[in-house]
């Protein structure tokens, strides 16, 4: 059991480190060069500051967004602690989500905006610019959905009956 907690902490720590390092690296190197073409017509590095929530949605209110992050931390921490050990992939996913949330909250607390730099697009149709933290949240959420969709029938029945 302790080794699993160490693994979750490792995922959280490595994810947070990757997010903060990539933001620092790309903003130090490319903040004033817009955009830097990596794959023409598909992928750029485009450093932007985002005062909103995920994918540039939500209010331009740093205090409200920080409070929402703290509520999410509490919910994720509660789930990590209370989920049974059989939910290994869900716990890994929660650690990824938590790492992403902490990485973006760090930016909000330090500069009141989130540093985004990954710009995927097809031609002139761009996905909102994002960062490694956003990717971890998206991957973690996808793992949870897949785990729920493909859970063994016994596990689905137990969840349905509150066991």
N, C-alpha and C. Protein backbone atom coordinates (compact mmCIF):
# COMPACT_ATOMS: atom_id res chain seq x y z
N UNK A 1 0.82 -1.19 0.00
CA UNK A 1 0.00 0.00 0.00
C UNK A 1 0.87 1.26 0.00
N UNK A 2 1.92 1.28 0.84
CA UNK A 2 2.79 2.46 0.89
C UNK A 2 3.51 2.67 -0.43
N UNK A 3 3.87 1.57 -1.10
CA UNK A 3 4.57 1.70 -2.38
C UNK A 3 3.66 2.33 -3.44
N UNK A 4 2.37 2.04 -3.37
CA UNK A 4 1.43 2.67 -4.30
C UNK A 4 1.34 4.17 -4.04
N UNK A 5 1.30 4.56 -2.77
CA UNK A 5 1.26 5.99 -2.44
C UNK A 5 2.52 6.68 -2.93
N UNK A 6 3.65 6.00 -2.82
CA UNK A 6 4.89 6.57 -3.35
C UNK A 6 4.80 6.75 -4.86
N UNK A 7 4.19 5.78 -5.55
CA UNK A 7 4.01 5.89 -6.99
C UNK A 7 3.11 7.09 -7.34
N UNK A 8 2.00 7.24 -6.62
CA UNK A 8 1.10 8.37 -6.88
C UNK A 8 1.83 9.69 -6.65
N UNK A 9 2.62 9.76 -5.59
CA UNK A 9 3.38 10.98 -5.30
C UNK A 9 4.45 11.22 -6.37
N UNK A 10 5.04 10.14 -6.88
CA UNK A 10 6.03 10.26 -7.95
C UNK A 10 5.37 10.81 -9.22
N UNK A 11 4.20 10.28 -9.58
CA UNK A 11 3.47 10.77 -10.75
C UNK A 11 3.13 12.25 -10.56
N UNK A 12 2.62 12.59 -9.38
CA UNK A 12 2.27 13.98 -9.10
C UNK A 12 3.52 14.87 -9.19
N UNK A 13 4.61 14.48 -8.54
CA UNK A 13 5.82 15.29 -8.53
C UNK A 13 6.45 15.42 -9.91
N UNK A 14 6.53 14.31 -10.64
CA UNK A 14 7.12 14.35 -11.98
C UNK A 14 6.26 15.19 -12.93
N UNK A 15 4.95 15.04 -12.81
CA UNK A 15 4.05 15.83 -13.65
C UNK A 15 4.17 17.31 -13.36
N UNK A 16 4.20 17.65 -12.09
CA UNK A 16 4.33 19.06 -11.69
C UNK A 16 5.67 19.62 -12.17
N UNK A 17 6.73 18.86 -11.98
CA UNK A 17 8.05 19.32 -12.42
C UNK A 17 8.08 19.52 -13.94
N UNK A 18 7.51 18.58 -14.69
CA UNK A 18 7.48 18.70 -16.15
C UNK A 18 6.71 19.94 -16.58
N UNK A 19 5.58 20.20 -15.93
CA UNK A 19 4.79 21.37 -16.27
C UNK A 19 5.56 22.66 -15.99
N UNK A 20 6.07 22.79 -14.79
CA UNK A 20 6.75 24.04 -14.43
C UNK A 20 8.03 24.24 -15.24
N UNK A 21 8.76 23.16 -15.51
CA UNK A 21 9.98 23.28 -16.29
C UNK A 21 9.67 23.71 -17.72
N UNK A 22 8.68 23.06 -18.37
CA UNK A 22 8.38 23.41 -19.76
C UNK A 22 7.88 24.85 -19.87
N UNK A 23 7.06 25.29 -18.92
CA UNK A 23 6.60 26.69 -18.95
C UNK A 23 7.79 27.63 -18.84
N UNK A 24 8.67 27.37 -17.88
CA UNK A 24 9.84 28.23 -17.70
C UNK A 24 10.72 28.23 -18.95
N UNK A 25 10.99 27.06 -19.47
CA UNK A 25 11.86 26.94 -20.64
C UNK A 25 11.30 27.70 -21.84
N UNK A 26 10.05 27.40 -22.21
CA UNK A 26 9.51 28.00 -23.43
C UNK A 26 9.27 29.50 -23.27
N UNK A 27 8.87 29.94 -22.10
CA UNK A 27 8.66 31.38 -21.92
C UNK A 27 9.98 32.13 -21.86
N UNK A 28 11.00 31.52 -21.31
CA UNK A 28 12.31 32.17 -21.29
C UNK A 28 12.89 32.26 -22.71
N UNK A 29 12.68 31.23 -23.48
CA UNK A 29 13.29 31.16 -24.81
C UNK A 29 12.46 31.84 -25.90
N UNK A 30 11.12 31.73 -25.82
CA UNK A 30 10.28 32.14 -26.95
C UNK A 30 9.19 33.16 -26.62
N UNK A 31 9.18 33.74 -25.44
CA UNK A 31 8.07 34.61 -25.06
C UNK A 31 7.82 35.73 -26.08
N UNK A 32 8.86 36.26 -26.67
CA UNK A 32 8.68 37.41 -27.56
C UNK A 32 8.74 37.04 -29.03
N UNK A 33 8.82 35.75 -29.33
CA UNK A 33 8.79 35.27 -30.71
C UNK A 33 7.46 34.58 -30.92
N UNK A 34 6.61 35.12 -31.77
CA UNK A 34 5.29 34.53 -31.95
C UNK A 34 4.98 34.31 -33.40
N UNK A 35 4.43 33.21 -33.74
CA UNK A 35 4.67 31.91 -33.13
C UNK A 35 5.96 31.30 -33.68
N UNK A 36 6.44 30.28 -33.00
CA UNK A 36 7.59 29.52 -33.48
C UNK A 36 7.02 28.26 -34.14
N UNK A 37 7.21 28.13 -35.43
CA UNK A 37 6.66 27.00 -36.17
C UNK A 37 7.50 25.75 -35.88
N UNK A 38 6.85 24.72 -35.40
CA UNK A 38 7.51 23.43 -35.16
C UNK A 38 7.20 22.49 -36.32
N UNK A 39 5.92 22.33 -36.63
CA UNK A 39 5.47 21.57 -37.79
C UNK A 39 4.52 22.48 -38.56
N UNK A 40 4.95 22.93 -39.71
CA UNK A 40 4.18 23.91 -40.48
C UNK A 40 2.75 23.43 -40.74
N UNK A 41 1.80 24.30 -40.42
CA UNK A 41 0.39 23.99 -40.63
C UNK A 41 -0.23 23.08 -39.60
N UNK A 42 0.54 22.76 -38.51
CA UNK A 42 0.00 21.81 -37.53
C UNK A 42 0.37 22.12 -36.08
N UNK A 43 1.62 22.53 -35.81
CA UNK A 43 2.06 22.68 -34.42
C UNK A 43 3.04 23.85 -34.29
N UNK A 44 2.72 24.77 -33.37
CA UNK A 44 3.57 25.91 -33.07
C UNK A 44 3.84 25.99 -31.57
N UNK A 45 4.89 26.70 -31.23
CA UNK A 45 5.10 27.17 -29.86
C UNK A 45 4.66 28.63 -29.88
N UNK A 46 3.65 28.96 -29.12
CA UNK A 46 3.11 30.33 -29.10
C UNK A 46 2.81 30.70 -27.66
N UNK A 47 3.73 31.40 -27.03
CA UNK A 47 3.62 31.75 -25.60
C UNK A 47 2.55 32.79 -25.37
N UNK A 48 1.57 32.44 -24.56
CA UNK A 48 0.45 33.33 -24.24
C UNK A 48 0.14 33.23 -22.76
N UNK A 49 -0.37 34.32 -22.21
CA UNK A 49 -0.83 34.34 -20.83
C UNK A 49 -2.35 34.23 -20.82
N UNK A 50 -2.87 33.28 -20.05
CA UNK A 50 -4.30 32.99 -20.03
C UNK A 50 -4.86 33.33 -18.64
N UNK A 51 -5.72 34.36 -18.55
CA UNK A 51 -6.30 34.69 -17.25
C UNK A 51 -7.53 33.84 -16.91
N UNK A 52 -7.96 33.02 -17.85
CA UNK A 52 -9.20 32.25 -17.69
C UNK A 52 -8.91 30.84 -17.18
N UNK A 53 -9.95 30.03 -17.18
CA UNK A 53 -9.86 28.63 -16.78
C UNK A 53 -9.40 27.81 -17.97
N UNK A 54 -9.65 26.54 -17.95
CA UNK A 54 -9.19 25.62 -19.00
C UNK A 54 -9.63 26.08 -20.39
N UNK A 55 -8.72 25.99 -21.34
CA UNK A 55 -8.98 26.31 -22.73
C UNK A 55 -9.57 27.72 -22.90
N UNK A 56 -9.08 28.66 -22.10
CA UNK A 56 -9.47 30.07 -22.15
C UNK A 56 -10.94 30.32 -21.83
N UNK A 57 -11.56 29.38 -21.12
CA UNK A 57 -12.96 29.53 -20.72
C UNK A 57 -13.03 30.05 -19.29
N UNK A 58 -14.17 30.56 -18.91
CA UNK A 58 -14.39 30.95 -17.53
C UNK A 58 -14.06 32.39 -17.24
N UNK A 59 -14.23 32.78 -15.99
CA UNK A 59 -14.10 34.19 -15.61
C UNK A 59 -12.65 34.66 -15.56
N UNK A 60 -12.47 35.96 -15.81
CA UNK A 60 -11.16 36.59 -15.67
C UNK A 60 -11.08 37.12 -14.24
N UNK A 61 -11.12 36.18 -13.27
CA UNK A 61 -11.14 36.53 -11.85
C UNK A 61 -10.19 35.58 -11.12
N UNK A 62 -8.93 36.00 -10.93
CA UNK A 62 -7.94 35.10 -10.34
C UNK A 62 -8.34 34.53 -8.98
N UNK A 63 -9.00 35.31 -8.16
CA UNK A 63 -9.39 34.83 -6.82
C UNK A 63 -10.41 33.70 -6.94
N UNK A 64 -11.42 33.90 -7.77
CA UNK A 64 -12.45 32.87 -7.95
C UNK A 64 -11.84 31.59 -8.53
N UNK A 65 -10.98 31.73 -9.52
CA UNK A 65 -10.35 30.56 -10.14
C UNK A 65 -9.47 29.84 -9.11
N UNK A 66 -8.75 30.59 -8.26
CA UNK A 66 -7.92 29.97 -7.22
C UNK A 66 -8.79 29.20 -6.23
N UNK A 67 -9.93 29.76 -5.85
CA UNK A 67 -10.85 29.08 -4.93
C UNK A 67 -11.37 27.79 -5.56
N UNK A 68 -11.71 27.85 -6.84
CA UNK A 68 -12.18 26.64 -7.54
C UNK A 68 -11.08 25.58 -7.57
N UNK A 69 -9.83 26.00 -7.76
CA UNK A 69 -8.71 25.05 -7.71
C UNK A 69 -8.61 24.39 -6.34
N UNK A 70 -8.73 25.18 -5.29
CA UNK A 70 -8.62 24.63 -3.94
C UNK A 70 -9.74 23.63 -3.65
N UNK A 71 -10.94 23.92 -4.13
CA UNK A 71 -12.06 22.98 -3.97
C UNK A 71 -11.74 21.68 -4.72
N UNK A 72 -11.21 21.82 -5.93
CA UNK A 72 -10.84 20.63 -6.71
C UNK A 72 -9.76 19.83 -6.01
N UNK A 73 -8.76 20.51 -5.40
CA UNK A 73 -7.70 19.80 -4.65
C UNK A 73 -8.31 18.96 -3.55
N UNK A 74 -9.24 19.56 -2.81
CA UNK A 74 -9.87 18.83 -1.71
C UNK A 74 -10.62 17.60 -2.21
N UNK A 75 -11.37 17.76 -3.28
CA UNK A 75 -12.14 16.64 -3.84
C UNK A 75 -11.21 15.54 -4.34
N UNK A 76 -10.15 15.92 -5.04
CA UNK A 76 -9.22 14.92 -5.57
C UNK A 76 -8.48 14.22 -4.43
N UNK A 77 -8.04 14.99 -3.45
CA UNK A 77 -7.37 14.38 -2.29
C UNK A 77 -8.27 13.41 -1.57
N UNK A 78 -9.54 13.78 -1.40
CA UNK A 78 -10.51 12.89 -0.76
C UNK A 78 -10.65 11.59 -1.55
N UNK A 79 -10.80 11.71 -2.87
CA UNK A 79 -10.94 10.51 -3.71
C UNK A 79 -9.68 9.64 -3.66
N UNK A 80 -8.51 10.27 -3.74
CA UNK A 80 -7.27 9.49 -3.67
C UNK A 80 -7.18 8.69 -2.38
N UNK A 81 -7.57 9.31 -1.30
CA UNK A 81 -7.47 8.66 0.01
C UNK A 81 -8.52 7.56 0.18
N UNK A 82 -9.74 7.81 -0.32
CA UNK A 82 -10.85 6.89 -0.03
C UNK A 82 -11.10 5.83 -1.09
N UNK A 83 -10.57 5.99 -2.30
CA UNK A 83 -10.77 4.93 -3.30
C UNK A 83 -10.02 3.67 -2.90
N UNK A 84 -10.60 2.54 -3.21
CA UNK A 84 -9.96 1.27 -2.88
C UNK A 84 -8.74 1.05 -3.78
N UNK A 85 -7.85 0.19 -3.33
CA UNK A 85 -6.62 -0.08 -4.08
C UNK A 85 -6.88 -0.67 -5.46
N UNK A 86 -8.03 -1.26 -5.69
CA UNK A 86 -8.35 -1.82 -7.00
C UNK A 86 -8.52 -0.77 -8.08
N UNK A 87 -8.57 0.49 -7.69
CA UNK A 87 -8.74 1.58 -8.64
C UNK A 87 -7.39 2.21 -9.00
N UNK A 88 -6.40 1.39 -9.30
CA UNK A 88 -5.04 1.85 -9.54
C UNK A 88 -4.98 2.91 -10.64
N UNK A 89 -5.57 2.64 -11.80
CA UNK A 89 -5.48 3.58 -12.92
C UNK A 89 -6.24 4.87 -12.63
N UNK A 90 -7.35 4.76 -11.92
CA UNK A 90 -8.09 5.96 -11.54
C UNK A 90 -7.25 6.82 -10.59
N UNK A 91 -6.53 6.18 -9.68
CA UNK A 91 -5.68 6.94 -8.76
C UNK A 91 -4.51 7.59 -9.50
N UNK A 92 -3.94 6.90 -10.47
CA UNK A 92 -2.89 7.51 -11.30
C UNK A 92 -3.48 8.71 -12.04
N UNK A 93 -4.67 8.54 -12.59
CA UNK A 93 -5.34 9.64 -13.29
C UNK A 93 -5.57 10.83 -12.36
N UNK A 94 -6.01 10.55 -11.14
CA UNK A 94 -6.23 11.64 -10.18
C UNK A 94 -4.92 12.35 -9.84
N UNK A 95 -3.82 11.59 -9.74
CA UNK A 95 -2.52 12.21 -9.49
C UNK A 95 -2.12 13.12 -10.65
N UNK A 96 -2.40 12.70 -11.88
CA UNK A 96 -2.13 13.55 -13.05
C UNK A 96 -2.97 14.82 -13.01
N UNK A 97 -4.25 14.66 -12.70
CA UNK A 97 -5.14 15.83 -12.63
C UNK A 97 -4.67 16.79 -11.54
N UNK A 98 -4.30 16.24 -10.40
CA UNK A 98 -3.83 17.07 -9.30
C UNK A 98 -2.53 17.79 -9.67
N UNK A 99 -1.61 17.11 -10.34
CA UNK A 99 -0.36 17.75 -10.77
C UNK A 99 -0.66 18.91 -11.72
N UNK A 100 -1.57 18.70 -12.65
CA UNK A 100 -1.94 19.77 -13.58
C UNK A 100 -2.59 20.94 -12.87
N UNK A 101 -3.48 20.64 -11.95
CA UNK A 101 -4.16 21.71 -11.21
C UNK A 101 -3.17 22.52 -10.37
N UNK A 102 -2.23 21.83 -9.73
CA UNK A 102 -1.23 22.53 -8.91
C UNK A 102 -0.32 23.39 -9.80
N UNK A 103 0.08 22.85 -10.95
CA UNK A 103 0.92 23.62 -11.87
C UNK A 103 0.27 24.91 -12.33
N UNK A 104 -1.01 24.82 -12.69
CA UNK A 104 -1.70 26.03 -13.13
C UNK A 104 -2.00 26.97 -11.96
N UNK A 105 -2.28 26.41 -10.79
CA UNK A 105 -2.51 27.27 -9.62
C UNK A 105 -1.22 28.02 -9.26
N UNK A 106 -0.08 27.35 -9.39
CA UNK A 106 1.20 28.01 -9.13
C UNK A 106 1.32 29.27 -10.00
N UNK A 107 1.01 29.14 -11.29
CA UNK A 107 1.05 30.31 -12.17
C UNK A 107 0.08 31.39 -11.71
N UNK A 108 -1.13 30.98 -11.36
CA UNK A 108 -2.14 31.96 -10.94
C UNK A 108 -1.71 32.70 -9.68
N UNK A 109 -1.09 31.99 -8.76
CA UNK A 109 -0.67 32.62 -7.51
C UNK A 109 0.55 33.53 -7.75
N UNK A 110 1.41 33.14 -8.67
CA UNK A 110 2.64 33.90 -8.91
C UNK A 110 2.43 35.08 -9.86
N UNK A 111 1.71 34.85 -10.97
CA UNK A 111 1.58 35.92 -11.98
C UNK A 111 0.13 36.23 -12.35
N UNK A 112 -0.83 35.61 -11.67
CA UNK A 112 -2.27 35.82 -11.86
C UNK A 112 -2.78 35.40 -13.24
N UNK A 113 -1.97 34.65 -13.95
CA UNK A 113 -2.35 34.10 -15.26
C UNK A 113 -1.64 32.77 -15.40
N UNK A 114 -2.10 31.98 -16.36
CA UNK A 114 -1.45 30.69 -16.64
C UNK A 114 -0.65 30.84 -17.93
N UNK A 115 0.55 30.27 -17.93
CA UNK A 115 1.41 30.30 -19.11
C UNK A 115 1.05 29.12 -20.01
N UNK A 116 0.56 29.43 -21.22
CA UNK A 116 0.23 28.43 -22.23
C UNK A 116 1.18 28.61 -23.41
N UNK A 117 1.52 27.51 -24.07
CA UNK A 117 2.47 27.63 -25.18
C UNK A 117 2.27 26.60 -26.30
N UNK A 118 1.46 25.59 -26.11
CA UNK A 118 1.27 24.55 -27.12
C UNK A 118 0.11 24.95 -28.03
N UNK A 119 0.40 25.12 -29.30
CA UNK A 119 -0.59 25.59 -30.27
C UNK A 119 -0.75 24.55 -31.38
N UNK A 120 -1.78 23.68 -31.24
CA UNK A 120 -2.09 22.71 -32.28
C UNK A 120 -3.10 23.34 -33.23
N UNK A 121 -2.95 23.08 -34.51
CA UNK A 121 -3.88 23.64 -35.48
C UNK A 121 -3.82 22.87 -36.77
N UNK A 122 -4.86 23.02 -37.55
CA UNK A 122 -4.88 22.51 -38.92
C UNK A 122 -5.15 23.72 -39.80
N UNK A 123 -4.12 24.10 -40.53
CA UNK A 123 -4.23 25.32 -41.32
C UNK A 123 -4.41 26.51 -40.40
N UNK A 124 -5.51 27.24 -40.61
CA UNK A 124 -5.77 28.42 -39.76
C UNK A 124 -6.80 28.14 -38.66
N UNK A 125 -7.17 26.89 -38.47
CA UNK A 125 -8.12 26.50 -37.41
C UNK A 125 -7.32 26.03 -36.20
N UNK A 126 -7.29 26.85 -35.16
CA UNK A 126 -6.46 26.59 -33.98
C UNK A 126 -7.29 26.08 -32.80
N UNK A 127 -6.74 25.07 -32.11
CA UNK A 127 -7.26 24.65 -30.82
C UNK A 127 -6.77 25.71 -29.82
N UNK A 128 -7.50 26.00 -28.74
CA UNK A 128 -6.97 26.97 -27.77
C UNK A 128 -5.58 26.56 -27.28
N UNK A 129 -4.70 27.52 -27.15
CA UNK A 129 -3.34 27.26 -26.68
C UNK A 129 -3.39 26.67 -25.28
N UNK A 130 -2.53 25.70 -24.99
CA UNK A 130 -2.56 25.02 -23.70
C UNK A 130 -1.15 24.71 -23.24
N UNK A 131 -1.01 23.97 -22.15
CA UNK A 131 0.31 23.64 -21.58
C UNK A 131 0.32 22.19 -21.09
N UNK A 132 1.42 21.78 -20.49
CA UNK A 132 1.55 20.41 -20.01
C UNK A 132 0.53 20.12 -18.90
N UNK A 133 0.28 21.09 -18.03
CA UNK A 133 -0.71 20.89 -16.96
C UNK A 133 -2.09 20.57 -17.54
N UNK A 134 -2.50 21.34 -18.56
CA UNK A 134 -3.79 21.08 -19.20
C UNK A 134 -3.81 19.69 -19.82
N UNK A 135 -2.69 19.27 -20.39
CA UNK A 135 -2.60 17.94 -20.99
C UNK A 135 -2.78 16.86 -19.92
N UNK A 136 -2.14 17.05 -18.75
CA UNK A 136 -2.27 16.04 -17.68
C UNK A 136 -3.71 15.95 -17.20
N UNK A 137 -4.39 17.09 -17.08
CA UNK A 137 -5.80 17.08 -16.66
C UNK A 137 -6.63 16.32 -17.70
N UNK A 138 -6.39 16.61 -18.98
CA UNK A 138 -7.15 15.94 -20.04
C UNK A 138 -6.87 14.44 -20.09
N UNK A 139 -5.61 14.05 -19.99
CA UNK A 139 -5.25 12.63 -20.01
C UNK A 139 -5.84 11.93 -18.78
N UNK A 140 -5.72 12.57 -17.61
CA UNK A 140 -6.29 11.98 -16.39
C UNK A 140 -7.78 11.78 -16.49
N UNK A 141 -8.49 12.78 -17.01
CA UNK A 141 -9.95 12.67 -17.17
C UNK A 141 -10.30 11.57 -18.17
N UNK A 142 -9.52 11.45 -19.24
CA UNK A 142 -9.75 10.40 -20.23
C UNK A 142 -9.55 9.01 -19.62
N UNK A 143 -8.51 8.85 -18.82
CA UNK A 143 -8.27 7.56 -18.15
C UNK A 143 -9.45 7.21 -17.24
N UNK A 144 -9.97 8.18 -16.52
CA UNK A 144 -11.11 7.92 -15.63
C UNK A 144 -12.32 7.49 -16.43
N UNK A 145 -12.62 8.19 -17.52
CA UNK A 145 -13.78 7.82 -18.35
C UNK A 145 -13.60 6.41 -18.92
N UNK A 146 -12.42 6.12 -19.45
CA UNK A 146 -12.17 4.78 -20.01
C UNK A 146 -12.29 3.72 -18.92
N UNK A 147 -11.76 4.02 -17.73
CA UNK A 147 -11.86 3.06 -16.61
C UNK A 147 -13.30 2.80 -16.24
N UNK A 148 -14.12 3.83 -16.26
CA UNK A 148 -15.54 3.66 -15.93
C UNK A 148 -16.27 2.88 -17.03
N UNK A 149 -15.94 3.16 -18.28
CA UNK A 149 -16.61 2.48 -19.39
C UNK A 149 -16.26 1.01 -19.47
N UNK A 150 -15.01 0.68 -19.13
CA UNK A 150 -14.55 -0.70 -19.29
C UNK A 150 -14.31 -1.42 -17.97
N UNK A 151 -14.92 -0.92 -16.90
CA UNK A 151 -14.81 -1.59 -15.60
C UNK A 151 -15.49 -2.96 -15.69
N UNK A 152 -14.97 -3.95 -14.98
CA UNK A 152 -15.63 -5.27 -14.97
C UNK A 152 -17.08 -5.14 -14.51
N UNK A 153 -17.93 -6.02 -14.99
CA UNK A 153 -19.36 -5.96 -14.67
C UNK A 153 -19.61 -5.98 -13.16
N UNK A 154 -18.83 -6.78 -12.43
CA UNK A 154 -19.02 -6.85 -10.98
C UNK A 154 -18.75 -5.49 -10.32
N UNK A 155 -17.72 -4.80 -10.83
CA UNK A 155 -17.37 -3.50 -10.27
C UNK A 155 -18.46 -2.47 -10.59
N UNK A 156 -19.02 -2.52 -11.82
CA UNK A 156 -20.10 -1.61 -12.19
C UNK A 156 -21.34 -1.87 -11.32
N UNK A 157 -21.66 -3.13 -11.08
CA UNK A 157 -22.82 -3.49 -10.27
C UNK A 157 -22.62 -3.01 -8.83
N UNK A 158 -21.41 -3.16 -8.31
CA UNK A 158 -21.14 -2.70 -6.94
C UNK A 158 -21.29 -1.19 -6.84
N UNK A 159 -20.81 -0.46 -7.85
CA UNK A 159 -20.94 1.00 -7.84
C UNK A 159 -22.40 1.40 -7.92
N UNK A 160 -23.16 0.66 -8.75
CA UNK A 160 -24.58 0.97 -8.93
C UNK A 160 -25.36 0.80 -7.63
N UNK A 161 -24.97 -0.20 -6.84
CA UNK A 161 -25.66 -0.48 -5.58
C UNK A 161 -24.99 0.15 -4.38
N UNK A 162 -24.03 1.06 -4.64
CA UNK A 162 -23.40 1.79 -3.54
C UNK A 162 -22.43 1.00 -2.70
N UNK A 163 -21.85 -0.04 -3.23
CA UNK A 163 -20.89 -0.86 -2.48
C UNK A 163 -19.49 -0.51 -2.82
